[in-house]
Protein backbone atom coordinates (compact mmCIF):
# COMPACT_ATOMS: atom_id res chain seq x y z
CA UNK A 1 -211.59 143.76 -81.12
CA UNK A 2 -212.73 140.31 -82.34
CA UNK A 3 -209.11 139.15 -82.60
CA UNK A 4 -208.32 140.22 -79.03
CA UNK A 5 -211.53 138.65 -77.73
CA UNK A 6 -210.69 135.34 -79.41
CA UNK A 7 -207.15 135.50 -78.06
CA UNK A 8 -208.40 136.21 -74.54
CA UNK A 9 -210.92 133.38 -74.79
CA UNK A 10 -208.21 130.92 -75.88
CA UNK A 11 -205.96 132.02 -73.02
CA UNK A 12 -208.77 131.59 -70.50
CA UNK A 13 -209.60 128.13 -71.93
CA UNK A 14 -205.95 127.10 -71.72
CA UNK A 15 -205.70 128.38 -68.15
CA UNK A 16 -208.84 126.48 -67.07
CA UNK A 17 -207.62 123.31 -68.80
CA UNK A 18 -204.21 123.59 -67.11
CA UNK A 19 -205.86 124.15 -63.73
CA UNK A 20 -208.07 121.08 -64.19
CA UNK A 21 -205.05 118.97 -65.14
CA UNK A 22 -203.21 120.14 -62.02
CA UNK A 23 -206.21 119.31 -59.81
CA UNK A 24 -206.67 115.86 -61.37
CA UNK A 25 -202.94 115.09 -61.07
CA UNK A 26 -202.92 116.19 -57.41
CA UNK A 27 -205.96 114.05 -56.55
CA UNK A 28 -204.50 110.97 -58.29
CA UNK A 29 -201.15 111.45 -56.53
CA UNK A 30 -202.82 111.73 -53.14
CA UNK A 31 -204.84 108.58 -53.79
CA UNK A 32 -201.65 106.76 -54.81
CA UNK A 33 -199.81 107.93 -51.67
CA UNK A 34 -202.73 106.91 -49.45
CA UNK A 35 -202.74 103.38 -50.89
CA UNK A 36 -198.94 103.19 -50.65
CA UNK A 37 -198.94 104.37 -47.02
CA UNK A 38 -201.64 101.87 -46.07
CA UNK A 39 -199.64 99.07 -47.68
CA UNK A 40 -196.51 100.10 -45.78
CA UNK A 41 -198.45 100.04 -42.54
CA UNK A 42 -199.47 96.48 -43.31
CA UNK A 43 -195.87 95.46 -44.00
CA UNK A 44 -195.65 96.26 -47.74
CA UNK A 45 -198.76 94.30 -48.64
CA UNK A 46 -202.39 94.68 -47.50
CA UNK A 47 -203.22 91.07 -48.29
CA UNK A 48 -201.15 88.25 -46.73
CA UNK A 49 -202.43 85.72 -49.24
CA UNK A 50 -201.02 87.49 -52.31
CA UNK A 51 -197.39 86.96 -51.18
CA UNK A 52 -196.60 90.17 -53.11
CA UNK A 53 -196.29 88.35 -56.43
CA UNK A 54 -196.61 84.56 -56.57
CA UNK A 55 -194.84 84.13 -59.94
CA UNK A 56 -191.82 86.20 -58.93
CA UNK A 57 -191.69 84.45 -55.58
CA UNK A 58 -191.81 81.01 -57.20
CA UNK A 59 -188.87 81.93 -59.43
CA UNK A 60 -186.84 83.14 -56.45
CA UNK A 61 -187.64 80.05 -54.38
CA UNK A 62 -186.86 77.68 -57.26
CA UNK A 63 -183.42 79.22 -57.58
CA UNK A 64 -182.80 78.87 -53.84
CA UNK A 65 -183.90 75.22 -53.67
CA UNK A 66 -181.70 74.02 -56.55
CA UNK A 67 -178.95 71.74 -55.22
CA UNK A 68 -180.43 71.47 -51.73
CA UNK A 69 -181.76 68.23 -50.26
CA UNK A 70 -185.26 69.67 -50.73
CA UNK A 71 -184.82 69.68 -54.50
CA UNK A 72 -187.50 67.34 -55.84
CA UNK A 73 -189.53 67.38 -52.62
CA UNK A 74 -190.44 71.06 -52.65
CA UNK A 75 -192.34 71.47 -55.91
CA UNK A 76 -193.82 74.55 -57.58
CA UNK A 77 -195.95 73.01 -60.32
CA UNK A 78 -199.17 73.04 -58.32
CA UNK A 79 -201.53 73.82 -61.22
CA UNK A 80 -202.09 70.09 -61.81
CA UNK A 81 -203.19 69.44 -58.24
CA UNK A 82 -206.82 69.00 -57.23
CA UNK A 83 -208.85 72.20 -56.88
CA UNK A 84 -209.65 71.03 -53.34
CA UNK A 85 -205.98 71.41 -52.46
CA UNK A 86 -203.91 73.58 -54.73
CA UNK A 87 -201.40 75.73 -52.82
CA UNK A 88 -200.65 78.93 -54.69
CA UNK A 89 -196.85 78.83 -54.40
CA UNK A 90 -195.33 75.47 -53.43
CA UNK A 91 -195.96 71.99 -52.05
CA UNK A 92 -193.70 69.84 -49.84
CA UNK A 93 -194.11 66.08 -50.16
CA UNK A 94 -194.15 63.55 -47.29
CA UNK A 95 -196.43 65.63 -45.06
CA UNK A 96 -199.78 64.39 -43.80
CA UNK A 97 -203.00 65.09 -45.69
CA UNK A 98 -204.92 66.02 -42.54
CA UNK A 99 -207.09 69.10 -42.96
CA UNK A 100 -207.49 69.75 -39.25
CA UNK A 101 -204.44 69.47 -37.00
CA UNK A 102 -203.40 69.76 -33.38
CA UNK A 103 -200.35 71.54 -32.00
CA UNK A 104 -200.76 71.16 -28.21
CA UNK A 105 -197.67 73.16 -27.24
CA UNK A 106 -198.95 76.21 -29.11
CA UNK A 107 -202.61 75.81 -28.23
CA UNK A 108 -201.85 75.55 -24.52
CA UNK A 109 -199.83 78.78 -24.48
CA UNK A 110 -202.44 80.73 -26.42
CA UNK A 111 -205.45 79.48 -24.47
CA UNK A 112 -203.79 80.26 -21.14
CA UNK A 113 -203.24 83.84 -22.25
CA UNK A 114 -206.51 84.48 -24.04
CA UNK A 115 -207.60 87.24 -21.64
CA UNK A 116 -204.36 89.15 -22.13
CA UNK A 117 -204.66 88.85 -25.91
CA UNK A 118 -208.31 89.91 -25.91
CA UNK A 119 -207.59 92.96 -23.75
CA UNK A 120 -204.91 94.15 -26.17
CA UNK A 121 -207.25 93.51 -29.10
CA UNK A 122 -209.86 95.75 -27.48
CA UNK A 123 -207.25 98.50 -27.04
CA UNK A 124 -206.01 98.51 -30.63
CA UNK A 125 -209.52 98.04 -32.03
CA UNK A 126 -210.78 101.09 -30.13
CA UNK A 127 -207.80 103.43 -30.27
CA UNK A 128 -205.71 102.50 -33.33
CA UNK A 129 -208.05 102.49 -36.32
CA UNK A 130 -205.39 103.86 -38.68
CA UNK A 131 -203.26 100.75 -38.12
CA UNK A 132 -205.93 98.36 -39.37
CA UNK A 133 -205.99 97.05 -42.93
CA UNK A 134 -209.28 96.41 -44.70
CA UNK A 135 -209.58 93.73 -47.39
CA UNK A 136 -213.17 94.36 -48.45
CA UNK A 137 -215.04 93.61 -45.20
CA UNK A 138 -212.26 91.57 -43.57
CA UNK A 139 -210.26 93.76 -41.14
CA UNK A 140 -206.75 92.91 -39.96
CA UNK A 141 -204.21 94.30 -37.52
CA UNK A 142 -200.80 92.84 -38.37
CA UNK A 143 -198.10 92.09 -35.83
CA UNK A 144 -196.17 90.18 -38.50
CA UNK A 145 -196.90 90.24 -42.22
CA UNK A 146 -195.14 87.85 -44.59
CA UNK A 147 -192.37 87.28 -42.07
CA UNK A 148 -191.70 90.93 -41.32
CA UNK A 149 -192.32 92.38 -37.89
CA UNK A 150 -194.57 95.45 -37.93
CA UNK A 151 -192.76 97.35 -35.21
CA UNK A 152 -195.36 100.06 -34.63
CA UNK A 153 -198.20 97.57 -34.21
CA UNK A 154 -196.16 95.30 -31.95
CA UNK A 155 -195.55 98.24 -29.63
CA UNK A 156 -199.31 98.82 -29.48
CA UNK A 157 -199.94 95.18 -28.49
CA UNK A 158 -196.65 94.27 -26.76
CA UNK A 159 -197.76 91.31 -24.66
CA UNK A 160 -199.48 89.63 -27.60
CA UNK A 161 -196.46 90.24 -29.83
CA UNK A 162 -194.11 88.76 -27.22
CA UNK A 163 -196.42 85.79 -26.77
CA UNK A 164 -196.50 85.09 -30.52
CA UNK A 165 -192.71 85.28 -30.73
CA UNK A 166 -192.34 82.57 -28.06
CA UNK A 167 -194.64 80.10 -29.83
CA UNK A 168 -192.88 76.91 -30.99
CA UNK A 169 -192.81 76.81 -34.77
CA UNK A 170 -193.90 80.40 -35.40
CA UNK A 171 -192.97 81.31 -38.98
CA UNK A 172 -191.15 84.58 -38.25
CA UNK A 173 -188.66 85.53 -40.95
CA UNK A 174 -190.31 83.49 -43.72
CA UNK A 175 -192.50 84.79 -46.53
CA UNK A 176 -195.44 82.72 -45.28
CA UNK A 177 -195.34 83.89 -41.66
CA UNK A 178 -198.15 86.11 -40.38
CA UNK A 179 -199.64 87.01 -37.02
CA UNK A 180 -202.63 89.32 -36.82
CA UNK A 181 -205.96 90.13 -35.24
CA UNK A 182 -208.78 89.31 -37.64
CA UNK A 183 -212.28 90.80 -37.49
CA UNK A 184 -215.07 89.36 -39.62
CA UNK A 185 -218.21 91.54 -39.44
CA UNK A 186 -221.78 90.22 -39.26
CA UNK A 187 -223.35 89.04 -42.50
CA UNK A 188 -220.02 88.55 -44.27
CA UNK A 189 -218.06 85.71 -45.85
CA UNK A 190 -214.48 85.01 -46.90
CA UNK A 191 -214.89 83.11 -50.15
CA UNK A 192 -213.19 79.72 -50.74
CA UNK A 193 -209.48 79.92 -51.53
CA UNK A 194 -206.24 77.96 -51.05
CA UNK A 195 -203.24 79.27 -49.11
CA UNK A 196 -199.70 79.50 -50.51
CA UNK A 197 -198.15 76.26 -49.20
CA UNK A 198 -198.63 73.13 -47.12
CA UNK A 199 -195.41 73.83 -45.21
CA UNK A 200 -197.42 76.03 -42.87
CA UNK A 201 -200.46 75.51 -40.68
CA UNK A 202 -202.73 78.31 -39.55
CA UNK A 203 -203.88 78.63 -35.96
CA UNK A 204 -206.97 80.62 -34.92
CA UNK A 205 -207.38 81.64 -31.27
CA UNK A 206 -211.06 82.60 -30.92
CA UNK A 207 -211.42 85.84 -28.96
CA UNK A 208 -215.03 86.74 -29.72
CA UNK A 209 -217.64 84.52 -31.38
CA UNK A 210 -221.25 85.52 -32.16
CA UNK A 211 -223.79 83.87 -29.91
CA UNK A 212 -226.41 83.75 -32.65
CA UNK A 213 -226.30 82.85 -36.33
CA UNK A 214 -223.95 80.57 -38.21
CA UNK A 215 -220.29 81.43 -37.67
CA UNK A 216 -218.05 78.69 -39.05
CA UNK A 217 -214.85 77.77 -40.84
CA UNK A 218 -214.92 75.24 -43.70
CA UNK A 219 -211.71 73.42 -44.67
CA UNK A 220 -211.73 70.84 -47.47
CA UNK A 221 -215.50 70.53 -47.16
CA UNK A 222 -215.42 69.93 -43.37
CA UNK A 223 -217.13 72.58 -41.26
CA UNK A 224 -216.26 73.62 -37.72
CA UNK A 225 -217.43 76.43 -35.46
CA UNK A 226 -215.13 78.66 -33.41
CA UNK A 227 -215.37 78.44 -29.64
CA UNK A 228 -214.28 81.38 -27.53
CA UNK A 229 -211.00 80.80 -25.73
CA UNK A 230 -210.11 77.78 -27.88
CA UNK A 231 -207.86 77.21 -30.89
CA UNK A 232 -208.48 75.76 -34.32
CA UNK A 233 -205.47 74.61 -36.36
CA UNK A 234 -205.76 73.69 -40.03
CA UNK A 235 -203.74 73.20 -43.21
CA UNK A 236 -204.74 76.19 -45.32
CA UNK A 237 -203.36 74.69 -48.53
CA UNK A 238 -206.79 73.02 -48.64
CA UNK A 239 -209.69 75.00 -50.07
CA UNK A 240 -211.12 76.91 -47.12
CA UNK A 241 -213.62 79.64 -46.34
CA UNK A 242 -215.19 81.44 -43.40
CA UNK A 243 -218.55 83.02 -42.78
CA UNK A 244 -220.25 85.01 -40.07
CA UNK A 245 -224.00 85.03 -40.63
CA UNK A 246 -224.79 86.74 -37.34
CA UNK A 247 -227.07 89.78 -37.60
CA UNK A 248 -225.07 92.07 -35.36
CA UNK A 249 -221.98 90.46 -33.81
CA UNK A 250 -218.41 90.38 -35.11
CA UNK A 251 -216.11 87.37 -35.04
CA UNK A 252 -212.62 88.09 -33.70
CA UNK A 253 -209.63 85.73 -33.80
CA UNK A 254 -205.87 85.96 -33.42
CA UNK A 255 -204.29 84.24 -36.43
CA UNK A 256 -200.76 82.81 -36.20
CA UNK A 257 -198.88 80.87 -38.89
CA UNK A 258 -196.77 77.87 -37.84
CA UNK A 259 -194.56 75.25 -39.44
CA UNK A 260 -196.49 72.11 -40.34
CA UNK A 261 -196.02 69.72 -37.38
CA UNK A 262 -194.97 66.85 -39.68
CA UNK A 263 -191.87 68.69 -40.94
CA UNK A 264 -188.71 66.98 -39.74
CA UNK A 265 -186.36 68.98 -37.53
CA UNK A 266 -183.55 68.19 -39.95
CA UNK A 267 -185.47 69.96 -42.76
CA UNK A 268 -186.23 73.16 -40.86
CA UNK A 269 -182.88 74.97 -41.35
CA UNK A 270 -183.01 74.47 -45.11
CA UNK A 271 -186.71 75.36 -45.34
CA UNK A 272 -186.05 78.49 -43.29
CA UNK A 273 -183.30 79.48 -45.73
CA UNK A 274 -185.32 78.76 -48.88
CA UNK A 275 -188.50 80.42 -47.60
CA UNK A 276 -186.73 83.27 -45.85
CA UNK A 277 -187.81 86.88 -46.43
CA UNK A 278 -184.40 87.77 -47.87
């Protein structure tokens, strides 16, 4: 009897162990699929600043720039640059060192259509929660992510997507090109960081700004506050951060990436090729 009891006990133990392994494997697989699906919804990457993998991207871009007239001007050894301005991927020489910029043609179009943009933001913010990507507290709804059009999201905000696509200098089709609604909740901060390159500038169209508390953007040590219905344009290769110290109000902006206004027209075709998604 003792032998059979021991055998039965071992079989039960093995069965329980196998069942636990199956449950653990199933849970881990579901977690993996959830993260993968969320990344796909964001356009293969939930964080536009990571550029998927900076080292691999640098290698690919280096190979594409060899022999072009940008060879020597578009550099990838940015580690030696000042911590106040150290783009993660590449740096193009002969562009201005202005932290804050102005692109009147873009700003005029966006400001004239701010009500349309805000209305579509309200719609997707209320009805399309599954299409938002959360990076800690920072919430984003991508129309374009790293140059790729997010078709589903563009259909949910069609007028804003069409507007973005008509903007002069919009970085569609390049690895540094994004367009998205950005929500920064009260009492939160985006810590200081440098963007991937100085070939782009980042434009914020302020849709909703807290009426109380400190809600500001800091670029290269210079601080500015958002104003509803207005644009801020800056070179995000400089160290920059954002904070919303309001007690209860969110900050909402539409973010659009553009070519740096100092880039010569003659350089754009080659830059578009080198920095292209494919």
